[in-house]
Amino acid sequence: MKFTKMQGAGNDYVYINGFTEKISQEDKPDWVRKVSDRHFGIGSDGAIFINPSDEADFEMEMYNADGTRSEMCGNGMRCVGKFVYDKGLTDKTQFTVVSAGKIKYLDLTIENGKATQIKVNMGEPILEAKQVPVVSENEQVIDEPIFIPELEKNYRMTCVSMGNPHAIVFMEDVKNLEIEKIGPYFENHERFPNRTNTEFVKVLDRNNVQMRVWERGTGETLACGTGCCATAVACILNGFTDDEVTVHVLGGKIKIFWNREENVVYMTGPAETVFEGEI
């Protein structure tokens, strides 16, 4: 099976052309676990299959490193845009990609015949607690306490879904955060029926924040596109930043703009091909 290793701000996945490469649905979770292994496989945060679609130009079928399906991946979506353009599956610089039933709109910047920057209309942020989903007595979870019994500590979180659930926790220091210790307690907390991605965020100024992310089913990654979107929305809801925010992640920078008139979040960032191979 031929594959392409790609990364967006360090968030790396194995990409498979579903038009030409075939693997059964029941075999995919085990296959993804094997190729994602950084010692015995290709090494990645998961795998993404790029398939034909009746409802959009392409479908993105995304899996976490542990073989579980995920609804959305912002960095993965940008890499899908680069993949289909660079490989000649489309000659359009504006097209649609569907993931878990949600259609996203991509706008590519082309340099020397290759896609370099990809802007994605990520749609409306979902704030209603039941739809995130997060268990709460409130309609929305904004700066709400959450108790982590294993640490005997209260944190405060804001919860946003960008097609997948996110809990954003603001703190003074993320650089020295023991994320491997804390992240799993949030991911598997009883208040998150579908588990959650968790962003730990330090506000730098009105237009810049620093973020580390614990992704459900994977662990800490160098970036998370939907997490950057959710982080920006949480920053704005809490009055910490303006509507345009650069999120500094371990793998680089991702620009987020929440157009509140349209109630649409736009994400702009890089996408790069690392190498091609066959497994």
C-alpha atoms as a PDB file:
ATOM      1  CA  MET A   1       0.000   0.000   0.000  1.00  0.00           C
ATOM      2  CA  LYS A   2       1.359   3.403  -1.010  1.00  0.00           C
ATOM      3  CA  PHE A   3       1.229   6.239   1.519  1.00  0.00           C
ATOM      4  CA  THR A   4       2.247   9.848   1.998  1.00  0.00           C
ATOM      5  CA  LYS A   5       3.548  11.153   5.335  1.00  0.00           C
ATOM      6  CA  MET A   6       2.435  14.767   5.865  1.00  0.00           C
ATOM      7  CA  GLN A   7       2.471  17.263   8.698  1.00  0.00           C
ATOM      8  CA  GLY A   8       0.762  20.533   9.560  1.00  0.00           C
ATOM      9  CA  ALA A   9       2.648  22.465  12.248  1.00  0.00           C
ATOM     10  CA  GLY A  10       4.102  19.152  13.415  1.00  0.00           C
ATOM     11  CA  ASN A  11       0.750  17.339  13.635  1.00  0.00           C
ATOM     12  CA  ASP A  12       1.680  14.347  11.439  1.00  0.00           C
ATOM     13  CA  TYR A  13      -0.483  11.708   9.787  1.00  0.00           C
ATOM     14  CA  VAL A  14      -0.173   8.900   7.280  1.00  0.00           C
ATOM     15  CA  TYR A  15      -2.293   9.779   4.226  1.00  0.00           C
ATOM     16  CA  ILE A  16      -3.830   7.148   1.985  1.00  0.00           C
ATOM     17  CA  ASN A  17      -5.369   7.778  -1.434  1.00  0.00           C
ATOM     18  CA  GLY A  18      -8.710   6.027  -1.035  1.00  0.00           C
ATOM     19  CA  PHE A  19      -9.344   6.362  -4.771  1.00  0.00           C
ATOM     20  CA  THR A  20      -6.630   3.803  -5.541  1.00  0.00           C
ATOM     21  CA  GLU A  21      -5.704   2.033  -2.283  1.00  0.00           C
ATOM     22  CA  LYS A  22      -8.265  -0.282  -0.686  1.00  0.00           C
ATOM     23  CA  ILE A  23      -8.493  -1.674   2.838  1.00  0.00           C
ATOM     24  CA  SER A  24     -11.622  -3.058   4.515  1.00  0.00           C
ATOM     25  CA  GLN A  25     -13.360  -0.993   7.190  1.00  0.00           C
ATOM     26  CA  GLU A  26     -12.985  -3.730   9.805  1.00  0.00           C
ATOM     27  CA  ASP A  27      -9.218  -3.910   9.196  1.00  0.00           C
ATOM     28  CA  LYS A  28      -8.602  -0.163   9.381  1.00  0.00           C
ATOM     29  CA  PRO A  29      -8.357   0.327  13.198  1.00  0.00           C
ATOM     30  CA  ASP A  30      -5.690  -2.378  13.614  1.00  0.00           C
ATOM     31  CA  TRP A  31      -3.853  -1.185  10.493  1.00  0.00           C
ATOM     32  CA  VAL A  32      -3.829   2.407  11.808  1.00  0.00           C
ATOM     33  CA  ARG A  33      -2.448   1.305  15.182  1.00  0.00           C
ATOM     34  CA  LYS A  34       0.386  -0.526  13.459  1.00  0.00           C
ATOM     35  CA  VAL A  35       1.431   2.222  11.047  1.00  0.00           C
ATOM     36  CA  SER A  36       1.121   4.950  13.711  1.00  0.00           C
ATOM     37  CA  ASP A  37       3.631   3.215  16.001  1.00  0.00           C
ATOM     38  CA  ARG A  38       6.768   5.375  16.046  1.00  0.00           C
ATOM     39  CA  HIS A  39       9.070   2.423  16.745  1.00  0.00           C
ATOM     40  CA  PHE A  40       7.617  -0.440  14.716  1.00  0.00           C
ATOM     41  CA  GLY A  41       5.558   1.386  12.088  1.00  0.00           C
ATOM     42  CA  ILE A  42       5.747   4.551  10.011  1.00  0.00           C
ATOM     43  CA  GLY A  43       5.161   6.787  13.025  1.00  0.00           C
ATOM     44  CA  SER A  44       2.327   9.331  13.190  1.00  0.00           C
ATOM     45  CA  ASP A  45      -0.502  10.864  15.193  1.00  0.00           C
ATOM     46  CA  GLY A  46      -2.875   8.680  13.197  1.00  0.00           C
ATOM     47  CA  ALA A  47      -3.998   8.010   9.636  1.00  0.00           C
ATOM     48  CA  ILE A  48      -6.251   9.804   7.166  1.00  0.00           C
ATOM     49  CA  PHE A  49      -7.931   8.227   4.153  1.00  0.00           C
ATOM     50  CA  ILE A  50      -8.843  10.570   1.285  1.00  0.00           C
ATOM     51  CA  ASN A  51     -11.931   9.132  -0.400  1.00  0.00           C
ATOM     52  CA  PRO A  52     -14.461   9.948  -3.132  1.00  0.00           C
ATOM     53  CA  SER A  53     -17.593  11.716  -1.897  1.00  0.00           C
ATOM     54  CA  ASP A  54     -21.117  12.326  -3.181  1.00  0.00           C
ATOM     55  CA  GLU A  55     -21.681  15.354  -0.946  1.00  0.00           C
ATOM     56  CA  ALA A  56     -18.343  17.194  -1.358  1.00  0.00           C
ATOM     57  CA  ASP A  57     -15.311  17.178  -3.656  1.00  0.00           C
ATOM     58  CA  PHE A  58     -13.503  14.770  -1.297  1.00  0.00           C
ATOM     59  CA  GLU A  59     -14.017  12.899   1.970  1.00  0.00           C
ATOM     60  CA  MET A  60     -11.548  12.894   4.872  1.00  0.00           C
ATOM     61  CA  GLU A  61     -11.769   9.700   6.952  1.00  0.00           C
ATOM     62  CA  MET A  62      -9.632  10.289  10.027  1.00  0.00           C
ATOM     63  CA  TYR A  63      -8.315   7.899  12.698  1.00  0.00           C
ATOM     64  CA  ASN A  64      -6.395   8.585  15.909  1.00  0.00           C
ATOM     65  CA  ALA A  65      -3.183   6.682  16.649  1.00  0.00           C
ATOM     66  CA  ASP A  66      -5.101   4.214  18.851  1.00  0.00           C
ATOM     67  CA  GLY A  67      -7.332   3.244  15.917  1.00  0.00           C
ATOM     68  CA  THR A  68     -10.426   5.164  17.039  1.00  0.00           C
ATOM     69  CA  ARG A  69     -12.316   7.354  14.570  1.00  0.00           C
ATOM     70  CA  SER A  70     -12.314  11.110  15.024  1.00  0.00           C
ATOM     71  CA  GLU A  71     -14.830  13.547  13.590  1.00  0.00           C
ATOM     72  CA  MET A  72     -12.459  16.316  12.574  1.00  0.00           C
ATOM     73  CA  CYS A  73      -8.807  17.339  12.359  1.00  0.00           C
ATOM     74  CA  GLY A  74      -7.885  20.876  11.320  1.00  0.00           C
ATOM     75  CA  ASN A  75      -4.236  20.200  10.530  1.00  0.00           C
ATOM     76  CA  GLY A  76      -5.263  17.019   8.749  1.00  0.00           C
ATOM     77  CA  MET A  77      -7.808  18.949   6.713  1.00  0.00           C
ATOM     78  CA  ARG A  78      -5.127  21.380   5.490  1.00  0.00           C
ATOM     79  CA  CYS A  79      -2.879  18.472   4.491  1.00  0.00           C
ATOM     80  CA  VAL A  80      -5.775  16.866   2.599  1.00  0.00           C
ATOM     81  CA  GLY A  81      -6.044  20.127   0.649  1.00  0.00           C
ATOM     82  CA  LYS A  82      -2.360  20.011  -0.264  1.00  0.00           C
ATOM     83  CA  PHE A  83      -2.503  16.281  -1.073  1.00  0.00           C
ATOM     84  CA  VAL A  84      -5.343  16.482  -3.586  1.00  0.00           C
ATOM     85  CA  TYR A  85      -3.939  19.583  -5.313  1.00  0.00           C
ATOM     86  CA  ASP A  86      -0.281  18.533  -5.448  1.00  0.00           C
ATOM     87  CA  LYS A  87      -1.194  15.062  -6.732  1.00  0.00           C
ATOM     88  CA  GLY A  88      -3.504  16.418  -9.430  1.00  0.00           C
ATOM     89  CA  LEU A  89      -6.749  15.049  -7.993  1.00  0.00           C
ATOM     90  CA  THR A  90      -8.104  18.573  -8.527  1.00  0.00           C
ATOM     91  CA  ASP A  91      -6.938  21.709 -10.292  1.00  0.00           C
ATOM     92  CA  LYS A  92      -9.202  23.935  -8.209  1.00  0.00           C
ATOM     93  CA  THR A  93      -7.774  26.121  -5.439  1.00  0.00           C
ATOM     94  CA  GLN A  94     -11.163  26.354  -3.741  1.00  0.00           C
ATOM     95  CA  PHE A  95     -13.068  23.149  -3.004  1.00  0.00           C
ATOM     96  CA  THR A  96     -14.927  21.209  -0.314  1.00  0.00           C
ATOM     97  CA  VAL A  97     -13.986  18.294   1.937  1.00  0.00           C
ATOM     98  CA  VAL A  98     -16.463  16.388   4.113  1.00  0.00           C
ATOM     99  CA  SER A  99     -15.508  14.721   7.400  1.00  0.00           C
ATOM    100  CA  ALA A 100     -18.027  12.831   9.544  1.00  0.00           C
ATOM    101  CA  GLY A 101     -20.865  14.505   7.661  1.00  0.00           C
ATOM    102  CA  LYS A 102     -19.552  18.060   8.108  1.00  0.00           C
ATOM    103  CA  ILE A 103     -18.455  19.946   4.979  1.00  0.00           C
ATOM    104  CA  LYS A 104     -15.455  22.301   5.158  1.00  0.00           C
ATOM    105  CA  TYR A 105     -14.429  24.889   2.566  1.00  0.00           C
ATOM    106  CA  LEU A 106     -10.758  25.143   1.609  1.00  0.00           C
ATOM    107  CA  ASP A 107      -8.877  28.017  -0.054  1.00  0.00           C
ATOM    108  CA  LEU A 108      -5.320  27.221  -1.198  1.00  0.00           C
ATOM    109  CA  THR A 109      -2.300  29.472  -1.743  1.00  0.00           C
ATOM    110  CA  ILE A 110      -0.158  28.076  -4.574  1.00  0.00           C
ATOM    111  CA  GLU A 111       3.578  28.650  -5.030  1.00  0.00           C
ATOM    112  CA  ASN A 112       5.563  27.006  -7.847  1.00  0.00           C
ATOM    113  CA  GLY A 113       2.706  24.654  -8.588  1.00  0.00           C
ATOM    114  CA  LYS A 114       2.385  23.403  -4.992  1.00  0.00           C
ATOM    115  CA  ALA A 115      -0.038  24.286  -2.192  1.00  0.00           C
ATOM    116  CA  THR A 116       1.795  26.000   0.679  1.00  0.00           C
ATOM    117  CA  GLN A 117      -0.770  27.764   2.883  1.00  0.00           C
ATOM    118  CA  ILE A 118      -4.313  26.502   3.304  1.00  0.00           C
ATOM    119  CA  LYS A 119      -7.203  28.516   4.699  1.00  0.00           C
ATOM    120  CA  VAL A 120     -10.130  26.456   5.978  1.00  0.00           C
ATOM    121  CA  ASN A 121     -13.614  27.633   6.810  1.00  0.00           C
ATOM    122  CA  MET A 122     -14.081  25.504   9.926  1.00  0.00           C
ATOM    123  CA  GLY A 123     -17.724  26.472  10.378  1.00  0.00           C
ATOM    124  CA  GLU A 124     -19.548  27.542  13.508  1.00  0.00           C
ATOM    125  CA  PRO A 125     -18.155  26.830  16.962  1.00  0.00           C
ATOM    126  CA  ILE A 126     -20.550  24.720  19.021  1.00  0.00           C
ATOM    127  CA  LEU A 127     -20.993  26.044  22.549  1.00  0.00           C
ATOM    128  CA  GLU A 128     -24.087  24.239  23.796  1.00  0.00           C
ATOM    129  CA  ALA A 129     -22.913  21.860  26.519  1.00  0.00           C
ATOM    130  CA  LYS A 130     -25.071  18.935  25.347  1.00  0.00           C
ATOM    131  CA  GLN A 131     -23.658  19.175  21.825  1.00  0.00           C
ATOM    132  CA  VAL A 132     -19.974  19.476  22.803  1.00  0.00           C
ATOM    133  CA  PRO A 133     -20.718  17.141  24.689  1.00  0.00           C
ATOM    134  CA  VAL A 134     -19.877  17.995  28.307  1.00  0.00           C
ATOM    135  CA  VAL A 135     -21.937  17.312  31.414  1.00  0.00           C
ATOM    136  CA  SER A 136     -22.965  20.602  33.017  1.00  0.00           C
ATOM    137  CA  GLU A 137     -25.919  22.255  34.718  1.00  0.00           C
ATOM    138  CA  ASN A 138     -25.283  25.307  32.530  1.00  0.00           C
ATOM    139  CA  GLU A 139     -26.263  25.766  28.902  1.00  0.00           C
ATOM    140  CA  GLN A 140     -22.682  26.701  28.028  1.00  0.00           C
ATOM    141  CA  VAL A 141     -19.453  25.885  29.830  1.00  0.00           C
ATOM    142  CA  ILE A 142     -17.424  29.099  30.052  1.00  0.00           C
ATOM    143  CA  ASP A 143     -14.845  29.468  32.835  1.00  0.00           C
ATOM    144  CA  GLU A 144     -16.496  26.669  34.774  1.00  0.00           C
ATOM    145  CA  PRO A 145     -14.745  24.658  37.517  1.00  0.00           C
ATOM    146  CA  ILE A 146     -13.827  21.005  36.996  1.00  0.00           C
ATOM    147  CA  PHE A 147     -12.479  18.859  39.801  1.00  0.00           C
ATOM    148  CA  ILE A 148      -9.804  16.271  38.991  1.00  0.00           C
ATOM    149  CA  PRO A 149     -10.075  13.768  41.879  1.00  0.00           C
ATOM    150  CA  GLU A 150      -6.787  12.010  41.065  1.00  0.00           C
ATOM    151  CA  LEU A 151      -4.943  15.314  41.576  1.00  0.00           C
ATOM    152  CA  GLU A 152      -7.312  16.613  44.270  1.00  0.00           C
ATOM    153  CA  LYS A 153      -7.368  19.886  42.365  1.00  0.00           C
ATOM    154  CA  ASN A 154      -9.890  22.232  40.775  1.00  0.00           C
ATOM    155  CA  TYR A 155      -9.268  23.685  37.313  1.00  0.00           C
ATOM    156  CA  ARG A 156     -11.385  26.069  35.275  1.00  0.00           C
ATOM    157  CA  MET A 157     -12.375  25.207  31.736  1.00  0.00           C
ATOM    158  CA  THR A 158     -14.237  26.532  28.719  1.00  0.00           C
ATOM    159  CA  CYS A 159     -15.708  23.893  26.404  1.00  0.00           C
ATOM    160  CA  VAL A 160     -16.083  24.235  22.637  1.00  0.00           C
ATOM    161  CA  SER A 161     -16.754  21.770  19.842  1.00  0.00           C
ATOM    162  CA  MET A 162     -15.359  22.304  16.361  1.00  0.00           C
ATOM    163  CA  GLY A 163     -16.913  19.034  15.222  1.00  0.00           C
ATOM    164  CA  ASN A 164     -14.984  17.325  18.031  1.00  0.00           C
ATOM    165  CA  PRO A 165     -14.925  18.146  21.770  1.00  0.00           C
ATOM    166  CA  HIS A 166     -12.397  20.472  23.401  1.00  0.00           C
ATOM    167  CA  ALA A 167     -11.817  21.635  26.964  1.00  0.00           C
ATOM    168  CA  ILE A 168      -9.663  24.772  27.185  1.00  0.00           C
ATOM    169  CA  VAL A 169      -7.828  25.415  30.452  1.00  0.00           C
ATOM    170  CA  PHE A 170      -6.044  28.728  31.013  1.00  0.00           C
ATOM    171  CA  MET A 171      -2.911  28.807  33.148  1.00  0.00           C
ATOM    172  CA  GLU A 172       0.149  30.933  33.861  1.00  0.00           C
ATOM    173  CA  ASP A 173       2.741  28.353  32.786  1.00  0.00           C
ATOM    174  CA  VAL A 174       2.299  25.741  30.060  1.00  0.00           C
ATOM    175  CA  LYS A 175       5.995  25.246  29.315  1.00  0.00           C
ATOM    176  CA  ASN A 176       6.623  23.255  32.496  1.00  0.00           C
ATOM    177  CA  LEU A 177       3.239  21.545  32.539  1.00  0.00           C
ATOM    178  CA  GLU A 178       3.303  17.793  33.264  1.00  0.00           C
ATOM    179  CA  ILE A 179       0.844  17.197  30.440  1.00  0.00           C
ATOM    180  CA  GLU A 180       1.413  13.414  30.309  1.00  0.00           C
ATOM    181  CA  LYS A 181       0.224  13.273  33.908  1.00  0.00           C
ATOM    182  CA  ILE A 182      -2.706  15.690  33.695  1.00  0.00           C
ATOM    183  CA  GLY A 183      -3.962  15.127  30.125  1.00  0.00           C
ATOM    184  CA  PRO A 184      -5.394  11.611  30.592  1.00  0.00           C
ATOM    185  CA  TYR A 185      -7.431  12.726  33.619  1.00  0.00           C
ATOM    186  CA  PHE A 186      -9.205  15.327  31.483  1.00  0.00           C
ATOM    187  CA  GLU A 187      -9.549  13.048  28.452  1.00  0.00           C
ATOM    188  CA  ASN A 188     -11.300  10.324  30.440  1.00  0.00           C
ATOM    189  CA  HIS A 189     -13.151  12.501  32.949  1.00  0.00           C
ATOM    190  CA  GLU A 190     -16.750  11.459  33.608  1.00  0.00           C
ATOM    191  CA  ARG A 191     -17.986  14.859  32.437  1.00  0.00           C
ATOM    192  CA  PHE A 192     -16.965  14.036  28.854  1.00  0.00           C
ATOM    193  CA  PRO A 193     -19.179  11.234  27.446  1.00  0.00           C
ATOM    194  CA  ASN A 194     -17.090  11.014  24.250  1.00  0.00           C
ATOM    195  CA  ARG A 195     -13.789  11.809  25.993  1.00  0.00           C
ATOM    196  CA  THR A 196     -12.197  15.158  25.131  1.00  0.00           C
ATOM    197  CA  ASN A 197      -9.201  16.936  23.678  1.00  0.00           C
ATOM    198  CA  THR A 198      -7.677  19.319  26.220  1.00  0.00           C
ATOM    199  CA  GLU A 199      -5.849  22.571  25.468  1.00  0.00           C
ATOM    200  CA  PHE A 200      -3.669  24.157  28.148  1.00  0.00           C
ATOM    201  CA  VAL A 201      -3.275  27.831  27.276  1.00  0.00           C
ATOM    202  CA  LYS A 202      -1.202  30.824  28.366  1.00  0.00           C
ATOM    203  CA  VAL A 203      -2.359  34.207  27.047  1.00  0.00           C
ATOM    204  CA  LEU A 204       0.619  36.252  25.793  1.00  0.00           C
ATOM    205  CA  ASP A 205      -1.204  39.385  24.587  1.00  0.00           C
ATOM    206  CA  ARG A 206      -4.411  40.419  22.794  1.00  0.00           C
ATOM    207  CA  ASN A 207      -3.409  38.579  19.606  1.00  0.00           C
ATOM    208  CA  ASN A 208      -1.099  35.770  20.714  1.00  0.00           C
ATOM    209  CA  VAL A 209      -1.458  32.727  22.941  1.00  0.00           C
ATOM    210  CA  GLN A 210       0.736  29.740  23.737  1.00  0.00           C
ATOM    211  CA  MET A 211      -0.933  26.328  23.730  1.00  0.00           C
ATOM    212  CA  ARG A 212      -0.122  22.694  24.450  1.00  0.00           C
ATOM    213  CA  VAL A 213      -2.637  20.032  23.567  1.00  0.00           C
ATOM    214  CA  TRP A 214      -3.527  16.568  24.805  1.00  0.00           C
ATOM    215  CA  GLU A 215      -5.470  14.818  22.041  1.00  0.00           C
ATOM    216  CA  ARG A 216      -7.856  12.010  22.909  1.00  0.00           C
ATOM    217  CA  GLY A 217      -6.674   8.705  21.582  1.00  0.00           C
ATOM    218  CA  THR A 218      -3.176   9.998  20.806  1.00  0.00           C
ATOM    219  CA  GLY A 219      -1.617  11.970  23.680  1.00  0.00           C
ATOM    220  CA  GLU A 220       0.353  15.188  23.348  1.00  0.00           C
ATOM    221  CA  THR A 221       0.810  16.345  19.764  1.00  0.00           C
ATOM    222  CA  LEU A 222       2.814  19.233  18.326  1.00  0.00           C
ATOM    223  CA  ALA A 223      -0.343  20.936  17.076  1.00  0.00           C
ATOM    224  CA  CYS A 224      -4.110  20.514  16.793  1.00  0.00           C
ATOM    225  CA  GLY A 225      -6.014  22.578  14.229  1.00  0.00           C
ATOM    226  CA  THR A 226      -9.470  22.198  15.758  1.00  0.00           C
ATOM    227  CA  GLY A 227      -7.825  22.761  19.159  1.00  0.00           C
ATOM    228  CA  CYS A 228      -6.373  26.056  17.920  1.00  0.00           C
ATOM    229  CA  CYS A 229      -9.836  27.088  16.699  1.00  0.00           C
ATOM    230  CA  ALA A 230     -11.463  26.113  20.007  1.00  0.00           C
ATOM    231  CA  THR A 231      -8.697  27.890  21.918  1.00  0.00           C
ATOM    232  CA  ALA A 232      -9.241  31.144  20.014  1.00  0.00           C
ATOM    233  CA  VAL A 233     -13.001  30.964  20.587  1.00  0.00           C
ATOM    234  CA  ALA A 234     -12.448  30.333  24.320  1.00  0.00           C
ATOM    235  CA  CYS A 235     -10.002  33.251  24.530  1.00  0.00           C
ATOM    236  CA  ILE A 236     -12.511  35.586  22.925  1.00  0.00           C
ATOM    237  CA  LEU A 237     -15.434  34.353  25.053  1.00  0.00           C
ATOM    238  CA  ASN A 238     -13.378  35.003  28.201  1.00  0.00           C
ATOM    239  CA  GLY A 239     -12.335  38.478  26.985  1.00  0.00           C
ATOM    240  CA  PHE A 240      -8.626  37.649  26.827  1.00  0.00           C
ATOM    241  CA  THR A 241      -7.968  38.379  23.139  1.00  0.00           C
ATOM    242  CA  ASP A 242      -9.280  40.107  20.040  1.00  0.00           C
ATOM    243  CA  ASP A 243     -11.089  38.180  17.298  1.00  0.00           C
ATOM    244  CA  GLU A 244      -7.869  37.352  15.415  1.00  0.00           C
ATOM    245  CA  VAL A 245      -5.455  35.133  17.333  1.00  0.00           C
ATOM    246  CA  THR A 246      -2.141  33.487  16.495  1.00  0.00           C
ATOM    247  CA  VAL A 247      -1.881  30.238  18.423  1.00  0.00           C
ATOM    248  CA  HIS A 248       1.733  29.250  19.147  1.00  0.00           C
ATOM    249  CA  VAL A 249       1.975  25.457  19.385  1.00  0.00           C
ATOM    250  CA  LEU A 250       5.015  23.224  19.748  1.00  0.00           C
ATOM    251  CA  GLY A 251       5.103  22.689  15.981  1.00  0.00           C
ATOM    252  CA  GLY A 252       4.685  26.290  14.824  1.00  0.00           C
ATOM    253  CA  LYS A 253       1.979  28.938  14.472  1.00  0.00           C
ATOM    254  CA  ILE A 254      -1.624  28.721  13.327  1.00  0.00           C
ATOM    255  CA  LYS A 255      -3.729  31.816  12.646  1.00  0.00           C
ATOM    256  CA  ILE A 256      -7.370  31.795  13.721  1.00  0.00           C
ATOM    257  CA  PHE A 257     -10.046  34.380  12.971  1.00  0.00           C
ATOM    258  CA  TRP A 258     -13.524  34.135  14.466  1.00  0.00           C
ATOM    259  CA  ASN A 259     -15.821  36.217  12.266  1.00  0.00           C
ATOM    260  CA  ARG A 260     -18.527  36.798  14.818  1.00  0.00           C
ATOM    261  CA  GLU A 261     -20.893  38.455  12.336  1.00  0.00           C
ATOM    262  CA  GLU A 262     -20.923  35.271  10.260  1.00  0.00           C
ATOM    263  CA  ASN A 263     -20.241  33.117  13.353  1.00  0.00           C
ATOM    264  CA  VAL A 264     -17.601  31.264  11.346  1.00  0.00           C
ATOM    265  CA  VAL A 265     -14.062  30.300  12.391  1.00  0.00           C
ATOM    266  CA  TYR A 266     -11.275  30.534   9.779  1.00  0.00           C
ATOM    267  CA  MET A 267      -7.999  28.666  10.230  1.00  0.00           C
ATOM    268  CA  THR A 268      -4.867  29.409   8.176  1.00  0.00           C
ATOM    269  CA  GLY A 269      -1.634  27.473   8.402  1.00  0.00           C
ATOM    270  CA  PRO A 270       1.007  25.402   6.629  1.00  0.00           C
ATOM    271  CA  ALA A 271       0.869  21.878   5.231  1.00  0.00           C
ATOM    272  CA  GLU A 272       3.955  19.945   4.177  1.00  0.00           C
ATOM    273  CA  THR A 273       4.752  16.590   2.625  1.00  0.00           C
ATOM    274  CA  VAL A 274       7.443  14.766   4.611  1.00  0.00           C
ATOM    275  CA  PHE A 275       7.983  11.683   2.451  1.00  0.00           C
ATOM    276  CA  GLU A 276       6.311   9.082   0.239  1.00  0.00           C
ATOM    277  CA  GLY A 277       6.531   5.349   0.777  1.00  0.00           C
ATOM    278  CA  GLU A 278       5.037   1.890   0.469  1.00  0.00           C
ATOM    279  CA  ILE A 279       4.157  -0.479   3.293  1.00  0.00           C
END
